[in-house]
């Protein structure tokens, strides 16, 4: 099983109390297969970076879960079929997290270029 992070953007006309039941129905695939839904965080209505379906706002939800890839693919399929969901993005958590250990990081040394001096004639 892998850890996944899912970002789901709902249509802004969706009522807040409908968001969780819609997701629970789709996420039931994961729990039935023995996976777990670790966290479901509703961020609420936020401004979008660019318009989607002529909407400038959307209701953001972040879900963290442990599951097998087949179940995650099925959840993504179900979310795409729902007309109230504008966008989804699902990443394996290992791919989503990025960190640099400052001890291991060494910037490239700049090469010394010969200085440009004007030639005297």
PDB file of N, CA and C in Angstrom:
ATOM      1  N   UNK A   1       0.837  -1.188   0.000  1.00  0.00           N
ATOM      2  CA  UNK A   1       0.000   0.000   0.000  1.00  0.00           C
ATOM      3  C   UNK A   1       0.876   1.244   0.000  1.00  0.00           C
ATOM      4  N   UNK A   2       0.384   2.253  -0.673  1.00  0.00           N
ATOM      5  CA  UNK A   2       1.100   3.521  -0.768  1.00  0.00           C
ATOM      6  C   UNK A   2       0.261   4.629  -0.145  1.00  0.00           C
ATOM      7  N   UNK A   3       0.945   5.686   0.228  1.00  0.00           N
ATOM      8  CA  UNK A   3       0.252   6.855   0.760  1.00  0.00           C
ATOM      9  C   UNK A   3      -0.009   7.816  -0.400  1.00  0.00           C
ATOM     10  N   UNK A   4      -1.223   8.337  -0.485  1.00  0.00           N
ATOM     11  CA  UNK A   4      -1.618   9.236  -1.551  1.00  0.00           C
ATOM     12  C   UNK A   4      -2.147  10.544  -0.981  1.00  0.00           C
ATOM     13  N   UNK A   5      -1.971  11.601  -1.743  1.00  0.00           N
ATOM     14  CA  UNK A   5      -2.569  12.897  -1.422  1.00  0.00           C
ATOM     15  C   UNK A   5      -3.451  13.288  -2.595  1.00  0.00           C
ATOM     16  N   UNK A   6      -4.711  13.605  -2.301  1.00  0.00           N
ATOM     17  CA  UNK A   6      -5.675  13.955  -3.342  1.00  0.00           C
ATOM     18  C   UNK A   6      -6.166  15.378  -3.113  1.00  0.00           C
ATOM     19  N   UNK A   7      -6.155  16.168  -4.171  1.00  0.00           N
ATOM     20  CA  UNK A   7      -6.724  17.510  -4.133  1.00  0.00           C
ATOM     21  C   UNK A   7      -7.964  17.475  -5.019  1.00  0.00           C
ATOM     22  N   UNK A   8      -9.086  17.884  -4.468  1.00  0.00           N
ATOM     23  CA  UNK A   8     -10.346  17.883  -5.196  1.00  0.00           C
ATOM     24  C   UNK A   8     -10.911  19.297  -5.133  1.00  0.00           C
ATOM     25  N   UNK A   9     -11.326  19.825  -6.288  1.00  0.00           N
ATOM     26  CA  UNK A   9     -11.933  21.160  -6.341  1.00  0.00           C
ATOM     27  C   UNK A   9     -13.378  21.007  -6.779  1.00  0.00           C
ATOM     28  N   UNK A  10     -14.284  21.418  -5.905  1.00  0.00           N
ATOM     29  CA  UNK A  10     -15.716  21.345  -6.171  1.00  0.00           C
ATOM     30  C   UNK A  10     -16.212  22.636  -6.797  1.00  0.00           C
ATOM     31  N   UNK A  11     -17.309  22.525  -7.520  1.00  0.00           N
ATOM     32  CA  UNK A  11     -18.012  23.683  -8.065  1.00  0.00           C
ATOM     33  C   UNK A  11     -18.416  24.582  -6.896  1.00  0.00           C
ATOM     34  N   UNK A  12     -18.250  25.911  -7.025  1.00  0.00           N
ATOM     35  CA  UNK A  12     -18.567  26.790  -5.888  1.00  0.00           C
ATOM     36  C   UNK A  12     -20.052  26.816  -5.514  1.00  0.00           C
ATOM     37  N   UNK A  13     -20.926  26.362  -6.409  1.00  0.00           N
ATOM     38  CA  UNK A  13     -22.356  26.350  -6.089  1.00  0.00           C
ATOM     39  C   UNK A  13     -22.735  25.151  -5.221  1.00  0.00           C
ATOM     40  N   UNK A  14     -21.812  24.234  -4.989  1.00  0.00           N
ATOM     41  CA  UNK A  14     -22.058  23.080  -4.127  1.00  0.00           C
ATOM     42  C   UNK A  14     -22.155  23.548  -2.681  1.00  0.00           C
ATOM     43  N   UNK A  15     -23.171  23.060  -1.969  1.00  0.00           N
ATOM     44  CA  UNK A  15     -23.314  23.427  -0.565  1.00  0.00           C
ATOM     45  C   UNK A  15     -22.234  22.738   0.266  1.00  0.00           C
ATOM     46  N   UNK A  16     -21.781  23.429   1.314  1.00  0.00           N
ATOM     47  CA  UNK A  16     -20.701  22.903   2.157  1.00  0.00           C
ATOM     48  C   UNK A  16     -21.055  21.554   2.781  1.00  0.00           C
ATOM     49  N   UNK A  17     -22.302  21.361   3.145  1.00  0.00           N
ATOM     50  CA  UNK A  17     -22.675  20.107   3.800  1.00  0.00           C
ATOM     51  C   UNK A  17     -22.800  18.944   2.815  1.00  0.00           C
ATOM     52  N   UNK A  18     -22.724  19.210   1.499  1.00  0.00           N
ATOM     53  CA  UNK A  18     -22.762  18.143   0.505  1.00  0.00           C
ATOM     54  C   UNK A  18     -21.371  17.607   0.175  1.00  0.00           C
ATOM     55  N   UNK A  19     -20.344  18.383   0.457  1.00  0.00           N
ATOM     56  CA  UNK A  19     -18.980  18.033   0.045  1.00  0.00           C
ATOM     57  C   UNK A  19     -18.515  16.727   0.669  1.00  0.00           C
ATOM     58  N   UNK A  20     -18.610  16.602   1.979  1.00  0.00           N
ATOM     59  CA  UNK A  20     -18.119  15.405   2.668  1.00  0.00           C
ATOM     60  C   UNK A  20     -18.866  14.139   2.256  1.00  0.00           C
ATOM     61  N   UNK A  21     -20.206  14.146   2.172  1.00  0.00           N
ATOM     62  CA  UNK A  21     -20.896  12.915   1.735  1.00  0.00           C
ATOM     63  C   UNK A  21     -20.540  12.486   0.311  1.00  0.00           C
ATOM     64  N   UNK A  22     -20.327  13.454  -0.581  1.00  0.00           N
ATOM     65  CA  UNK A  22     -19.940  13.111  -1.952  1.00  0.00           C
ATOM     66  C   UNK A  22     -18.590  12.410  -1.955  1.00  0.00           C
ATOM     67  N   UNK A  23     -17.643  12.943  -1.199  1.00  0.00           N
ATOM     68  CA  UNK A  23     -16.319  12.320  -1.129  1.00  0.00           C
ATOM     69  C   UNK A  23     -16.365  10.973  -0.421  1.00  0.00           C
ATOM     70  N   UNK A  24     -17.140  10.874   0.643  1.00  0.00           N
ATOM     71  CA  UNK A  24     -17.226   9.610   1.386  1.00  0.00           C
ATOM     72  C   UNK A  24     -17.720   8.475   0.500  1.00  0.00           C
ATOM     73  N   UNK A  25     -18.652   8.785  -0.396  1.00  0.00           N
ATOM     74  CA  UNK A  25     -19.175   7.764  -1.306  1.00  0.00           C
ATOM     75  C   UNK A  25     -18.071   7.245  -2.224  1.00  0.00           C
ATOM     76  N   UNK A  26     -17.243   8.138  -2.743  1.00  0.00           N
ATOM     77  CA  UNK A  26     -16.152   7.730  -3.631  1.00  0.00           C
ATOM     78  C   UNK A  26     -15.012   7.064  -2.861  1.00  0.00           C
ATOM     79  N   UNK A  27     -14.718   7.566  -1.668  1.00  0.00           N
ATOM     80  CA  UNK A  27     -13.613   7.018  -0.880  1.00  0.00           C
ATOM     81  C   UNK A  27     -13.948   5.675  -0.240  1.00  0.00           C
ATOM     82  N   UNK A  28     -15.214   5.266  -0.298  1.00  0.00           N
ATOM     83  CA  UNK A  28     -15.612   3.963   0.242  1.00  0.00           C
ATOM     84  C   UNK A  28     -14.904   2.826  -0.490  1.00  0.00           C
ATOM     85  N   UNK A  29     -14.515   3.047  -1.736  1.00  0.00           N
ATOM     86  CA  UNK A  29     -13.771   2.042  -2.504  1.00  0.00           C
ATOM     87  C   UNK A  29     -12.468   1.702  -1.790  1.00  0.00           C
ATOM     88  N   UNK A  30     -11.805   2.716  -1.257  1.00  0.00           N
ATOM     89  CA  UNK A  30     -10.534   2.507  -0.572  1.00  0.00           C
ATOM     90  C   UNK A  30     -10.725   1.726   0.719  1.00  0.00           C
ATOM     91  N   UNK A  31     -11.706   2.109   1.515  1.00  0.00           N
ATOM     92  CA  UNK A  31     -11.908   1.446   2.805  1.00  0.00           C
ATOM     93  C   UNK A  31     -12.397   0.005   2.637  1.00  0.00           C
ATOM     94  N   UNK A  32     -13.195  -0.264   1.595  1.00  0.00           N
ATOM     95  CA  UNK A  32     -13.665  -1.632   1.354  1.00  0.00           C
ATOM     96  C   UNK A  32     -12.521  -2.560   0.963  1.00  0.00           C
ATOM     97  N   UNK A  33     -11.497  -2.010   0.320  1.00  0.00           N
ATOM     98  CA  UNK A  33     -10.359  -2.821  -0.125  1.00  0.00           C
ATOM     99  C   UNK A  33      -9.291  -2.959   0.958  1.00  0.00           C
ATOM    100  N   UNK A  34      -9.532  -2.422   2.142  1.00  0.00           N
ATOM    101  CA  UNK A  34      -8.574  -2.557   3.239  1.00  0.00           C
ATOM    102  C   UNK A  34      -7.663  -1.358   3.412  1.00  0.00           C
ATOM    103  N   UNK A  35      -7.846  -0.311   2.618  1.00  0.00           N
ATOM    104  CA  UNK A  35      -7.060   0.905   2.772  1.00  0.00           C
ATOM    105  C   UNK A  35      -7.653   1.797   3.846  1.00  0.00           C
ATOM    106  N   UNK A  36      -6.996   2.920   4.083  1.00  0.00           N
ATOM    107  CA  UNK A  36      -7.488   3.848   5.095  1.00  0.00           C
ATOM    108  C   UNK A  36      -7.509   5.264   4.535  1.00  0.00           C
ATOM    109  N   UNK A  37      -8.495   6.034   4.968  1.00  0.00           N
ATOM    110  CA  UNK A  37      -8.547   7.460   4.681  1.00  0.00           C
ATOM    111  C   UNK A  37      -8.054   8.140   5.951  1.00  0.00           C
ATOM    112  N   UNK A  38      -6.839   8.674   5.896  1.00  0.00           N
ATOM    113  CA  UNK A  38      -6.197   9.220   7.086  1.00  0.00           C
ATOM    114  C   UNK A  38      -6.693  10.604   7.455  1.00  0.00           C
ATOM    115  N   UNK A  39      -6.933  11.442   6.457  1.00  0.00           N
ATOM    116  CA  UNK A  39      -7.313  12.829   6.737  1.00  0.00           C
ATOM    117  C   UNK A  39      -8.157  13.355   5.594  1.00  0.00           C
ATOM    118  N   UNK A  40      -9.227  14.053   5.921  1.00  0.00           N
ATOM    119  CA  UNK A  40     -10.067  14.725   4.940  1.00  0.00           C
ATOM    120  C   UNK A  40     -10.203  16.167   5.417  1.00  0.00           C
ATOM    121  N   UNK A  41      -9.539  17.071   4.727  1.00  0.00           N
ATOM    122  CA  UNK A  41      -9.458  18.468   5.155  1.00  0.00           C
ATOM    123  C   UNK A  41     -10.174  19.357   4.146  1.00  0.00           C
ATOM    124  N   UNK A  42     -11.304  19.934   4.552  1.00  0.00           N
ATOM    125  CA  UNK A  42     -12.060  20.835   3.679  1.00  0.00           C
ATOM    126  C   UNK A  42     -11.538  22.249   3.901  1.00  0.00           C
ATOM    127  N   UNK A  43     -10.893  22.812   2.883  1.00  0.00           N
ATOM    128  CA  UNK A  43     -10.336  24.158   2.977  1.00  0.00           C
ATOM    129  C   UNK A  43     -11.397  25.232   2.771  1.00  0.00           C
ATOM    130  N   UNK A  44     -12.483  24.883   2.125  1.00  0.00           N
ATOM    131  CA  UNK A  44     -13.540  25.857   1.866  1.00  0.00           C
ATOM    132  C   UNK A  44     -13.355  26.534   0.522  1.00  0.00           C
ATOM    133  N   UNK A  45     -14.128  27.592   0.335  1.00  0.00           N
ATOM    134  CA  UNK A  45     -14.139  28.296  -0.951  1.00  0.00           C
ATOM    135  C   UNK A  45     -12.896  29.176  -1.073  1.00  0.00           C
ATOM    136  N   UNK A  46     -12.166  29.000  -2.175  1.00  0.00           N
ATOM    137  CA  UNK A  46     -10.944  29.754  -2.452  1.00  0.00           C
ATOM    138  C   UNK A  46     -10.969  30.256  -3.887  1.00  0.00           C
ATOM    139  N   UNK A  47     -10.216  31.303  -4.115  1.00  0.00           N
ATOM    140  CA  UNK A  47     -10.092  31.839  -5.463  1.00  0.00           C
ATOM    141  C   UNK A  47      -9.169  30.933  -6.276  1.00  0.00           C
ATOM    142  N   UNK A  48      -9.540  30.667  -7.517  1.00  0.00           N
ATOM    143  CA  UNK A  48      -8.744  29.829  -8.397  1.00  0.00           C
ATOM    144  C   UNK A  48      -7.644  30.652  -9.058  1.00  0.00           C
ATOM    145  N   UNK A  49      -6.567  30.004  -9.426  1.00  0.00           N
ATOM    146  CA  UNK A  49      -5.463  30.685 -10.109  1.00  0.00           C
ATOM    147  C   UNK A  49      -5.887  31.103 -11.523  1.00  0.00           C
ATOM    148  N   UNK A  50      -6.778  30.336 -12.134  1.00  0.00           N
ATOM    149  CA  UNK A  50      -7.304  30.646 -13.459  1.00  0.00           C
ATOM    150  C   UNK A  50      -8.734  30.104 -13.518  1.00  0.00           C
ATOM    151  N   UNK A  51      -9.585  30.681 -14.362  1.00  0.00           N
ATOM    152  CA  UNK A  51     -10.977  30.217 -14.410  1.00  0.00           C
ATOM    153  C   UNK A  51     -11.091  28.770 -14.897  1.00  0.00           C
ATOM    154  N   UNK A  52     -11.983  28.029 -14.257  1.00  0.00           N
ATOM    155  CA  UNK A  52     -12.303  26.664 -14.672  1.00  0.00           C
ATOM    156  C   UNK A  52     -13.810  26.621 -14.886  1.00  0.00           C
ATOM    157  N   UNK A  53     -14.233  26.239 -16.063  1.00  0.00           N
ATOM    158  CA  UNK A  53     -15.659  26.181 -16.409  1.00  0.00           C
ATOM    159  C   UNK A  53     -16.369  27.503 -16.101  1.00  0.00           C
ATOM    160  N   UNK A  54     -15.692  28.595 -16.389  1.00  0.00           N
ATOM    161  CA  UNK A  54     -16.197  29.963 -16.180  1.00  0.00           C
ATOM    162  C   UNK A  54     -16.424  30.303 -14.706  1.00  0.00           C
ATOM    163  N   UNK A  55     -15.754  29.585 -13.799  1.00  0.00           N
ATOM    164  CA  UNK A  55     -15.817  29.877 -12.367  1.00  0.00           C
ATOM    165  C   UNK A  55     -14.463  30.405 -11.919  1.00  0.00           C
ATOM    166  N   UNK A  56     -14.485  31.419 -11.056  1.00  0.00           N
ATOM    167  CA  UNK A  56     -13.255  31.980 -10.499  1.00  0.00           C
ATOM    168  C   UNK A  56     -12.966  31.477  -9.093  1.00  0.00           C
ATOM    169  N   UNK A  57     -13.906  30.723  -8.514  1.00  0.00           N
ATOM    170  CA  UNK A  57     -13.760  30.169  -7.178  1.00  0.00           C
ATOM    171  C   UNK A  57     -14.071  28.686  -7.207  1.00  0.00           C
ATOM    172  N   UNK A  58     -13.608  27.988  -6.169  1.00  0.00           N
ATOM    173  CA  UNK A  58     -13.916  26.574  -6.017  1.00  0.00           C
ATOM    174  C   UNK A  58     -13.760  26.178  -4.564  1.00  0.00           C
ATOM    175  N   UNK A  59     -14.369  25.074  -4.193  1.00  0.00           N
ATOM    176  CA  UNK A  59     -14.256  24.552  -2.838  1.00  0.00           C
ATOM    177  C   UNK A  59     -13.154  23.501  -2.851  1.00  0.00           C
ATOM    178  N   UNK A  60     -12.079  23.768  -2.115  1.00  0.00           N
ATOM    179  CA  UNK A  60     -10.907  22.895  -2.090  1.00  0.00           C
ATOM    180  C   UNK A  60     -11.018  21.864  -0.973  1.00  0.00           C
ATOM    181  N   UNK A  61     -10.631  20.626  -1.287  1.00  0.00           N
ATOM    182  CA  UNK A  61     -10.593  19.553  -0.304  1.00  0.00           C
ATOM    183  C   UNK A  61      -9.302  18.765  -0.518  1.00  0.00           C
ATOM    184  N   UNK A  62      -8.594  18.474   0.572  1.00  0.00           N
ATOM    185  CA  UNK A  62      -7.377  17.659   0.512  1.00  0.00           C
ATOM    186  C   UNK A  62      -7.633  16.378   1.294  1.00  0.00           C
ATOM    187  N   UNK A  63      -7.306  15.236   0.664  1.00  0.00           N
ATOM    188  CA  UNK A  63      -7.513  13.928   1.282  1.00  0.00           C
ATOM    189  C   UNK A  63      -6.183  13.194   1.310  1.00  0.00           C
ATOM    190  N   UNK A  64      -5.819  12.641   2.455  1.00  0.00           N
ATOM    191  CA  UNK A  64      -4.641  11.773   2.582  1.00  0.00           C
ATOM    192  C   UNK A  64      -5.149  10.363   2.855  1.00  0.00           C
ATOM    193  N   UNK A  65      -4.616   9.395   2.098  1.00  0.00           N
ATOM    194  CA  UNK A  65      -5.092   8.022   2.238  1.00  0.00           C
ATOM    195  C   UNK A  65      -3.970   7.031   1.962  1.00  0.00           C
ATOM    196  N   UNK A  66      -4.125   5.829   2.519  1.00  0.00           N
ATOM    197  CA  UNK A  66      -3.259   4.692   2.209  1.00  0.00           C
ATOM    198  C   UNK A  66      -4.094   3.712   1.394  1.00  0.00           C
ATOM    199  N   UNK A  67      -3.582   3.322   0.236  1.00  0.00           N
ATOM    200  CA  UNK A  67      -4.354   2.435  -0.625  1.00  0.00           C
ATOM    201  C   UNK A  67      -3.465   1.797  -1.674  1.00  0.00           C
ATOM    202  N   UNK A  68      -4.063   0.870  -2.412  1.00  0.00           N
ATOM    203  CA  UNK A  68      -3.415   0.267  -3.565  1.00  0.00           C
ATOM    204  C   UNK A  68      -3.722   1.114  -4.802  1.00  0.00           C
ATOM    205  N   UNK A  69      -2.876   1.069  -5.821  1.00  0.00           N
ATOM    206  CA  UNK A  69      -3.093   1.898  -7.011  1.00  0.00           C
ATOM    207  C   UNK A  69      -4.417   1.635  -7.731  1.00  0.00           C
ATOM    208  N   UNK A  70      -4.884   0.381  -7.735  1.00  0.00           N
ATOM    209  CA  UNK A  70      -6.138   0.073  -8.431  1.00  0.00           C
ATOM    210  C   UNK A  70      -7.326   0.801  -7.811  1.00  0.00           C
ATOM    211  N   UNK A  71      -7.378   0.839  -6.486  1.00  0.00           N
ATOM    212  CA  UNK A  71      -8.481   1.522  -5.816  1.00  0.00           C
ATOM    213  C   UNK A  71      -8.408   3.030  -6.031  1.00  0.00           C
ATOM    214  N   UNK A  72      -7.201   3.572  -6.047  1.00  0.00           N
ATOM    215  CA  UNK A  72      -7.041   5.016  -6.274  1.00  0.00           C
ATOM    216  C   UNK A  72      -7.497   5.375  -7.681  1.00  0.00           C
ATOM    217  N   UNK A  73      -7.196   4.525  -8.653  1.00  0.00           N
ATOM    218  CA  UNK A  73      -7.661   4.764 -10.024  1.00  0.00           C
ATOM    219  C   UNK A  73      -9.186   4.747 -10.095  1.00  0.00           C
ATOM    220  N   UNK A  74      -9.808   3.857  -9.353  1.00  0.00           N
ATOM    221  CA  UNK A  74     -11.273   3.793  -9.332  1.00  0.00           C
ATOM    222  C   UNK A  74     -11.865   5.044  -8.667  1.00  0.00           C
ATOM    223  N   UNK A  75     -11.244   5.507  -7.583  1.00  0.00           N
ATOM    224  CA  UNK A  75     -11.715   6.735  -6.927  1.00  0.00           C
ATOM    225  C   UNK A  75     -11.608   7.913  -7.899  1.00  0.00           C
ATOM    226  N   UNK A  76     -10.492   8.013  -8.601  1.00  0.00           N
ATOM    227  CA  UNK A  76     -10.312   9.103  -9.558  1.00  0.00           C
ATOM    228  C   UNK A  76     -11.368   9.034 -10.666  1.00  0.00           C
ATOM    229  N   UNK A  77     -11.669   7.836 -11.132  1.00  0.00           N
ATOM    230  CA  UNK A  77     -12.699   7.666 -12.165  1.00  0.00           C
ATOM    231  C   UNK A  77     -14.057   8.149 -11.665  1.00  0.00           C
ATOM    232  N   UNK A  78     -14.414   7.762 -10.437  1.00  0.00           N
ATOM    233  CA  UNK A  78     -15.693   8.171  -9.870  1.00  0.00           C
ATOM    234  C   UNK A  78     -15.763   9.687  -9.672  1.00  0.00           C
ATOM    235  N   UNK A  79     -14.653  10.291  -9.239  1.00  0.00           N
ATOM    236  CA  UNK A  79     -14.644  11.734  -9.024  1.00  0.00           C
ATOM    237  C   UNK A  79     -14.791  12.496 -10.341  1.00  0.00           C
ATOM    238  N   UNK A  80     -14.196  11.984 -11.398  1.00  0.00           N
ATOM    239  CA  UNK A  80     -14.305  12.651 -12.704  1.00  0.00           C
ATOM    240  C   UNK A  80     -15.712  12.574 -13.271  1.00  0.00           C
ATOM    241  N   UNK A  81     -16.462  11.521 -12.906  1.00  0.00           N
ATOM    242  CA  UNK A  81     -17.827  11.375 -13.398  1.00  0.00           C
ATOM    243  C   UNK A  81     -18.808  12.309 -12.690  1.00  0.00           C
ATOM    244  N   UNK A  82     -18.448  12.793 -11.515  1.00  0.00           N
ATOM    245  CA  UNK A  82     -19.324  13.663 -10.733  1.00  0.00           C
ATOM    246  C   UNK A  82     -19.306  15.075 -11.321  1.00  0.00           C
ATOM    247  N   UNK A  83     -20.469  15.609 -11.641  1.00  0.00           N
ATOM    248  CA  UNK A  83     -20.571  16.929 -12.269  1.00  0.00           C
ATOM    249  C   UNK A  83     -20.265  18.074 -11.308  1.00  0.00           C
ATOM    250  N   UNK A  84     -20.312  17.834 -10.009  1.00  0.00           N
ATOM    251  CA  UNK A  84     -20.036  18.876  -9.027  1.00  0.00           C
ATOM    252  C   UNK A  84     -18.541  19.070  -8.791  1.00  0.00           C
ATOM    253  N   UNK A  85     -17.721  18.182  -9.315  1.00  0.00           N
ATOM    254  CA  UNK A  85     -16.277  18.265  -9.135  1.00  0.00           C
ATOM    255  C   UNK A  85     -15.649  18.821 -10.410  1.00  0.00           C
ATOM    256  N   UNK A  86     -14.901  19.930 -10.248  1.00  0.00           N
ATOM    257  CA  UNK A  86     -14.288  20.582 -11.401  1.00  0.00           C
ATOM    258  C   UNK A  86     -12.916  20.011 -11.725  1.00  0.00           C
ATOM    259  N   UNK A  87     -12.100  19.698 -10.716  1.00  0.00           N
ATOM    260  CA  UNK A  87     -10.745  19.203 -10.935  1.00  0.00           C
ATOM    261  C   UNK A  87     -10.339  18.236  -9.831  1.00  0.00           C
ATOM    262  N   UNK A  88      -9.464  17.291 -10.195  1.00  0.00           N
ATOM    263  CA  UNK A  88      -8.856  16.403  -9.220  1.00  0.00           C
ATOM    264  C   UNK A  88      -7.372  16.270  -9.545  1.00  0.00           C
ATOM    265  N   UNK A  89      -6.586  16.073  -8.524  1.00  0.00           N
ATOM    266  CA  UNK A  89      -5.158  15.800  -8.691  1.00  0.00           C
ATOM    267  C   UNK A  89      -4.784  14.806  -7.608  1.00  0.00           C
ATOM    268  N   UNK A  90      -4.272  13.644  -8.023  1.00  0.00           N
ATOM    269  CA  UNK A  90      -3.900  12.606  -7.078  1.00  0.00           C
ATOM    270  C   UNK A  90      -2.418  12.291  -7.270  1.00  0.00           C
ATOM    271  N   UNK A  91      -1.660  12.378  -6.179  1.00  0.00           N
ATOM    272  CA  UNK A  91      -0.229  12.111  -6.205  1.00  0.00           C
ATOM    273  C   UNK A  91       0.136  11.090  -5.141  1.00  0.00           C
ATOM    274  N   UNK A  92       1.132  10.263  -5.457  1.00  0.00           N
ATOM    275  CA  UNK A  92       1.709   9.449  -4.392  1.00  0.00           C
ATOM    276  C   UNK A  92       2.454  10.390  -3.479  1.00  0.00           C
ATOM    277  N   UNK A  93       2.300  10.206  -2.183  1.00  0.00           N
ATOM    278  CA  UNK A  93       2.848  11.139  -1.210  1.00  0.00           C
ATOM    279  C   UNK A  93       4.360  11.251  -1.326  1.00  0.00           C
ATOM    280  N   UNK A  94       5.031  10.158  -1.671  1.00  0.00           N
ATOM    281  CA  UNK A  94       6.479  10.189  -1.827  1.00  0.00           C
ATOM    282  C   UNK A  94       6.882  11.136  -2.951  1.00  0.00           C
ATOM    283  N   UNK A  95       6.058  11.216  -3.991  1.00  0.00           N
ATOM    284  CA  UNK A  95       6.338  12.108  -5.114  1.00  0.00           C
ATOM    285  C   UNK A  95       5.960  13.548  -4.803  1.00  0.00           C
ATOM    286  N   UNK A  96       5.013  13.741  -3.889  1.00  0.00           N
ATOM    287  CA  UNK A  96       4.527  15.088  -3.583  1.00  0.00           C
ATOM    288  C   UNK A  96       5.446  15.829  -2.629  1.00  0.00           C
ATOM    289  N   UNK A  97       6.186  15.113  -1.791  1.00  0.00           N
ATOM    290  CA  UNK A  97       7.028  15.737  -0.783  1.00  0.00           C
ATOM    291  C   UNK A  97       8.426  15.928  -1.360  1.00  0.00           C
ATOM    292  N   UNK A  98       8.969  17.119  -1.196  1.00  0.00           N
ATOM    293  CA  UNK A  98      10.290  17.428  -1.722  1.00  0.00           C
ATOM    294  C   UNK A  98      11.081  18.133  -0.648  1.00  0.00           C
ATOM    295  N   UNK A  99      12.261  17.645  -0.383  1.00  0.00           N
ATOM    296  CA  UNK A  99      13.093  18.318   0.600  1.00  0.00           C
ATOM    297  C   UNK A  99      14.551  18.176   0.188  1.00  0.00           C
ATOM    298  N   UNK A 100      15.335  19.130   0.575  1.00  0.00           N
ATOM    299  CA  UNK A 100      16.765  19.102   0.314  1.00  0.00           C
ATOM    300  C   UNK A 100      17.472  19.137   1.648  1.00  0.00           C
ATOM    301  N   UNK A 101      18.344  18.200   1.860  1.00  0.00           N
ATOM    302  CA  UNK A 101      19.137  18.190   3.075  1.00  0.00           C
ATOM    303  C   UNK A 101      20.270  19.196   2.893  1.00  0.00           C
ATOM    304  N   UNK A 102      20.352  20.217   3.714  1.00  0.00           N
ATOM    305  CA  UNK A 102      21.360  21.256   3.494  1.00  0.00           C
ATOM    306  C   UNK A 102      22.792  20.750   3.604  1.00  0.00           C
ATOM    307  N   UNK A 103      23.013  19.638   4.261  1.00  0.00           N
ATOM    308  CA  UNK A 103      24.362  19.100   4.385  1.00  0.00           C
ATOM    309  C   UNK A 103      24.814  18.490   3.060  1.00  0.00           C
ATOM    310  N   UNK A 104      23.872  17.855   2.348  1.00  0.00           N
ATOM    311  CA  UNK A 104      24.209  17.190   1.097  1.00  0.00           C
ATOM    312  C   UNK A 104      24.234  18.146  -0.094  1.00  0.00           C
ATOM    313  N   UNK A 105      23.598  19.269   0.012  1.00  0.00           N
ATOM    314  CA  UNK A 105      23.481  20.194  -1.111  1.00  0.00           C
ATOM    315  C   UNK A 105      24.753  21.003  -1.266  1.00  0.00           C
ATOM    316  N   UNK A 106      25.315  20.949  -2.459  1.00  0.00           N
ATOM    317  CA  UNK A 106      26.487  21.749  -2.771  1.00  0.00           C
ATOM    318  C   UNK A 106      26.221  22.482  -4.077  1.00  0.00           C
ATOM    319  N   UNK A 107      26.180  23.798  -4.052  1.00  0.00           N
ATOM    320  CA  UNK A 107      25.919  24.527  -5.298  1.00  0.00           C
ATOM    321  C   UNK A 107      27.075  24.340  -6.265  1.00  0.00           C
ATOM    322  N   UNK A 108      26.743  24.436  -7.551  1.00  0.00           N
ATOM    323  CA  UNK A 108      27.778  24.306  -8.570  1.00  0.00           C
ATOM    324  C   UNK A 108      28.743  25.474  -8.483  1.00  0.00           C
ATOM    325  N   UNK A 109      30.013  25.157  -8.697  1.00  0.00           N
ATOM    326  CA  UNK A 109      31.009  26.224  -8.699  1.00  0.00           C
ATOM    327  C   UNK A 109      30.960  26.917 -10.053  1.00  0.00           C
ATOM    328  N   UNK A 110      30.998  28.215 -10.025  1.00  0.00           N
ATOM    329  CA  UNK A 110      30.963  28.963 -11.276  1.00  0.00           C
ATOM    330  C   UNK A 110      32.321  28.874 -11.952  1.00  0.00           C
ATOM    331  N   UNK A 111      32.281  28.660 -13.244  1.00  0.00           N
ATOM    332  CA  UNK A 111      33.535  28.568 -13.982  1.00  0.00           C
ATOM    333  C   UNK A 111      34.109  29.960 -14.170  1.00  0.00           C
ATOM    334  N   UNK A 112      35.422  30.033 -14.134  1.00  0.00           N
ATOM    335  CA  UNK A 112      36.084  31.326 -14.314  1.00  0.00           C
ATOM    336  C   UNK A 112      36.202  31.603 -15.806  1.00  0.00           C
ATOM    337  N   UNK A 113      35.644  32.695 -16.199  1.00  0.00           N
ATOM    338  CA  UNK A 113      35.733  33.101 -17.590  1.00  0.00           C
ATOM    339  C   UNK A 113      36.849  34.129 -17.720  1.00  0.00           C
ATOM    340  N   UNK A 114      37.567  34.087 -18.825  1.00  0.00           N
ATOM    341  CA  UNK A 114      38.588  35.125 -19.013  1.00  0.00           C
ATOM    342  C   UNK A 114      37.911  36.474 -19.168  1.00  0.00           C
ATOM    343  N   UNK A 115      38.493  37.459 -18.559  1.00  0.00           N
ATOM    344  CA  UNK A 115      37.896  38.790 -18.619  1.00  0.00           C
ATOM    345  C   UNK A 115      38.093  39.358 -20.028  1.00  0.00           C
ATOM    346  N   UNK A 116      37.123  40.156 -20.416  1.00  0.00           N
ATOM    347  CA  UNK A 116      37.184  40.779 -21.724  1.00  0.00           C
ATOM    348  C   UNK A 116      37.877  42.125 -21.599  1.00  0.00           C
ATOM    349  N   UNK A 117      39.064  42.188 -22.108  1.00  0.00           N
ATOM    350  CA  UNK A 117      39.802  43.437 -22.087  1.00  0.00           C
ATOM    351  C   UNK A 117      39.903  43.934 -23.517  1.00  0.00           C
ATOM    352  N   UNK A 118      39.769  45.200 -23.648  1.00  0.00           N
ATOM    353  CA  UNK A 118      39.846  45.764 -24.990  1.00  0.00           C
ATOM    354  C   UNK A 118      41.312  45.739 -25.452  1.00  0.00           C
ATOM    355  N   UNK A 119      41.490  45.414 -26.700  1.00  0.00           N
ATOM    356  CA  UNK A 119      42.830  45.369 -27.256  1.00  0.00           C
ATOM    357  C   UNK A 119      43.242  46.766 -27.696  1.00  0.00           C
ATOM    358  N   UNK A 120      44.436  47.165 -27.346  1.00  0.00           N
ATOM    359  CA  UNK A 120      44.941  48.466 -27.761  1.00  0.00           C
ATOM    360  C   UNK A 120      45.703  48.283 -29.065  1.00  0.00           C
ATOM    361  N   UNK A 121      45.343  49.067 -30.066  1.00  0.00           N
ATOM    362  CA  UNK A 121      46.023  48.966 -31.356  1.00  0.00           C
ATOM    363  C   UNK A 121      47.061  49.981 -31.503  1.00  0.00           C
TER     364      UNK A 121
END
